[in-house]
Protein backbone atom coordinates (compact mmCIF):
# COMPACT_ATOMS: atom_id res chain seq x y z
CA UNK A 1 85.41 47.36 -40.95
CA UNK A 2 86.40 50.70 -42.44
CA UNK A 3 87.31 53.91 -40.56
CA UNK A 4 84.05 55.85 -41.29
CA UNK A 5 81.98 52.92 -39.99
CA UNK A 6 84.17 52.65 -36.89
CA UNK A 7 84.08 56.39 -36.13
CA UNK A 8 80.30 56.44 -36.26
CA UNK A 9 80.17 53.67 -33.65
CA UNK A 10 82.85 54.96 -31.24
CA UNK A 11 80.42 56.72 -28.87
CA UNK A 12 78.23 53.63 -28.65
CA UNK A 13 81.35 51.52 -28.15
CA UNK A 14 82.59 53.77 -25.32
CA UNK A 15 79.20 53.66 -23.55
CA UNK A 16 78.89 49.84 -24.01
CA UNK A 17 75.71 50.08 -26.06
CA UNK A 18 76.77 48.02 -29.09
CA UNK A 19 75.70 44.44 -29.69
CA UNK A 20 78.42 41.86 -29.01
CA UNK A 21 79.29 41.23 -32.70
CA UNK A 22 79.65 44.93 -33.55
CA UNK A 23 81.60 45.53 -30.37
CA UNK A 24 84.08 42.83 -31.32
CA UNK A 25 84.39 44.30 -34.85
CA UNK A 26 85.09 47.82 -33.49
CA UNK A 27 87.64 46.43 -31.01
CA UNK A 28 89.41 44.57 -33.82
CA UNK A 29 89.53 47.70 -35.99
CA UNK A 30 90.89 49.82 -33.07
CA UNK A 31 93.65 47.24 -32.58
CA UNK A 32 94.79 47.58 -36.20
CA UNK A 33 94.04 51.29 -37.02
CA UNK A 34 96.10 53.89 -35.13
CA UNK A 35 93.94 56.82 -36.39
CA UNK A 36 90.72 55.35 -35.03
CA UNK A 37 92.48 54.30 -31.81
CA UNK A 38 93.70 57.90 -31.34
CA UNK A 39 90.17 59.19 -32.01
CA UNK A 40 88.82 56.72 -29.43
CA UNK A 41 91.36 57.94 -26.84
CA UNK A 42 90.34 61.56 -27.46
CA UNK A 43 86.68 60.59 -27.11
CA UNK A 44 87.40 58.83 -23.81
CA UNK A 45 89.27 61.90 -22.49
CA UNK A 46 86.39 64.17 -23.49
CA UNK A 47 83.84 61.91 -21.82
CA UNK A 48 85.91 61.75 -18.62
CA UNK A 49 86.20 65.56 -18.61
CA UNK A 50 82.44 65.88 -18.97
CA UNK A 51 81.89 63.47 -16.10
CA UNK A 52 84.36 65.39 -13.90
CA UNK A 53 82.77 68.72 -14.77
CA UNK A 54 79.35 67.45 -13.75
CA UNK A 55 80.65 65.72 -10.63
CA UNK A 56 82.44 68.81 -9.27
CA UNK A 57 80.31 70.75 -6.80
CA UNK A 58 80.65 74.51 -6.32
CA UNK A 59 82.42 75.84 -3.25
CA UNK A 60 80.30 76.38 -0.15
CA UNK A 61 80.42 80.20 -0.33
CA UNK A 62 79.34 80.20 -3.99
CA UNK A 63 76.49 77.85 -3.17
CA UNK A 64 75.41 80.02 -0.19
CA UNK A 65 75.48 83.24 -2.27
CA UNK A 66 73.50 81.61 -5.03
CA UNK A 67 70.84 80.41 -2.60
CA UNK A 68 70.59 83.88 -1.03
CA UNK A 69 70.16 85.57 -4.41
CA UNK A 70 67.50 83.09 -5.48
CA UNK A 71 65.66 83.47 -2.16
CA UNK A 72 65.84 87.28 -2.41
CA UNK A 73 64.57 87.34 -5.97
CA UNK A 74 61.94 84.61 -5.89
CA UNK A 75 61.15 84.22 -2.18
CA UNK A 76 58.20 85.77 -0.34
CA UNK A 77 58.48 89.27 1.05
CA UNK A 78 58.62 89.99 4.78
CA UNK A 79 54.95 90.91 4.87
CA UNK A 80 53.98 87.69 3.12
CA UNK A 81 56.07 85.65 5.57
CA UNK A 82 54.54 87.46 8.57
CA UNK A 83 51.05 86.98 7.19
CA UNK A 84 51.72 83.30 6.56
CA UNK A 85 53.05 82.94 10.11
CA UNK A 86 49.93 84.50 11.60
CA UNK A 87 47.59 82.49 9.40
CA UNK A 88 49.18 79.15 10.22
CA UNK A 89 46.69 76.66 11.56
CA UNK A 90 48.11 76.69 15.08
CA UNK A 91 45.47 76.79 17.85
CA UNK A 92 47.67 79.01 20.04
CA UNK A 93 47.26 82.06 17.82
CA UNK A 94 43.49 81.84 17.96
CA UNK A 95 43.48 81.60 21.75
CA UNK A 96 45.86 84.54 22.11
CA UNK A 97 43.82 86.71 19.75
CA UNK A 98 40.56 85.74 21.46
CA UNK A 99 41.99 86.64 24.87
CA UNK A 100 43.21 90.02 23.60
CA UNK A 101 39.77 91.15 22.44
CA UNK A 102 38.41 91.89 25.97
CA UNK A 103 41.66 93.61 26.95
CA UNK A 104 41.51 95.88 23.90
CA UNK A 105 37.84 96.69 24.54
CA UNK A 106 38.59 97.51 28.21
CA UNK A 107 41.47 99.78 27.23
CA UNK A 108 39.29 101.60 24.71
CA UNK A 109 36.45 102.16 27.21
CA UNK A 110 38.83 103.35 29.95
CA UNK A 111 40.56 105.71 27.53
CA UNK A 112 37.23 107.26 26.52
CA UNK A 113 35.77 107.61 30.01
CA UNK A 114 38.74 109.06 31.89
CA UNK A 115 40.46 112.29 30.89
CA UNK A 116 44.04 112.03 29.88
CA UNK A 117 45.27 114.79 32.24
CA UNK A 118 43.69 115.54 35.57
CA UNK A 119 44.70 118.81 37.21
CA UNK A 120 45.31 118.37 40.94
CA UNK A 121 43.14 120.33 43.34
CA UNK A 122 44.84 123.34 44.84
CA UNK A 123 44.93 123.88 48.54
CA UNK A 124 43.54 127.22 49.69
CA UNK A 125 46.17 129.85 50.34
CA UNK A 126 45.03 130.59 53.91
CA UNK A 127 43.27 128.09 56.11
CA UNK A 128 39.85 129.15 57.24
CA UNK A 129 39.76 130.45 60.81
CA UNK A 130 38.49 127.95 63.30
CA UNK A 131 35.83 129.37 65.51
CA UNK A 132 34.42 127.47 68.40
CA UNK A 133 30.81 127.82 69.29
CA UNK A 134 29.06 126.59 72.39
CA UNK A 135 32.30 126.13 74.28
CA UNK A 136 32.09 125.63 78.01
CA UNK A 137 35.46 125.59 79.77
CA UNK A 138 34.03 124.30 83.02
CA UNK A 139 33.29 120.89 81.65
CA UNK A 140 35.87 118.56 80.11
CA UNK A 141 35.40 117.50 76.53
CA UNK A 142 33.14 114.46 75.98
CA UNK A 143 36.09 112.11 75.30
CA UNK A 144 37.83 112.91 78.58
CA UNK A 145 34.94 112.87 81.03
CA UNK A 146 35.79 109.50 82.57
CA UNK A 147 39.51 110.25 82.90
CA UNK A 148 39.31 113.28 85.20
């Protein structure tokens, strides 16, 4: 096997995708050719670096910031979230809203029928004079007749 043929098969050789005969031929050439062996070592190092780069996860704070930015940009607004919360198919919301309808109607009717500010009645400045008519001092009042 010649060097150009070997170099074209190095990636397949490194990923174990060559048939057994070609794999043996590439292995034999790498054992005898230092240039192709050096190229194979460089290829292996590059592939390991790619695997490490893909396997490394971002730090937790970077991941959290990225999620917050994505949620802020593409997530629903506050009004949409509130609307979705109220429109959820939960029976409780329907019962609460149905029970509030009579209360709201009662408040509206009471607010219309009664004035907002009621001025208190004023007491007269001078009490009216009490005059007794048909008073007889010789007889006790009707409530005390049996006592005396």
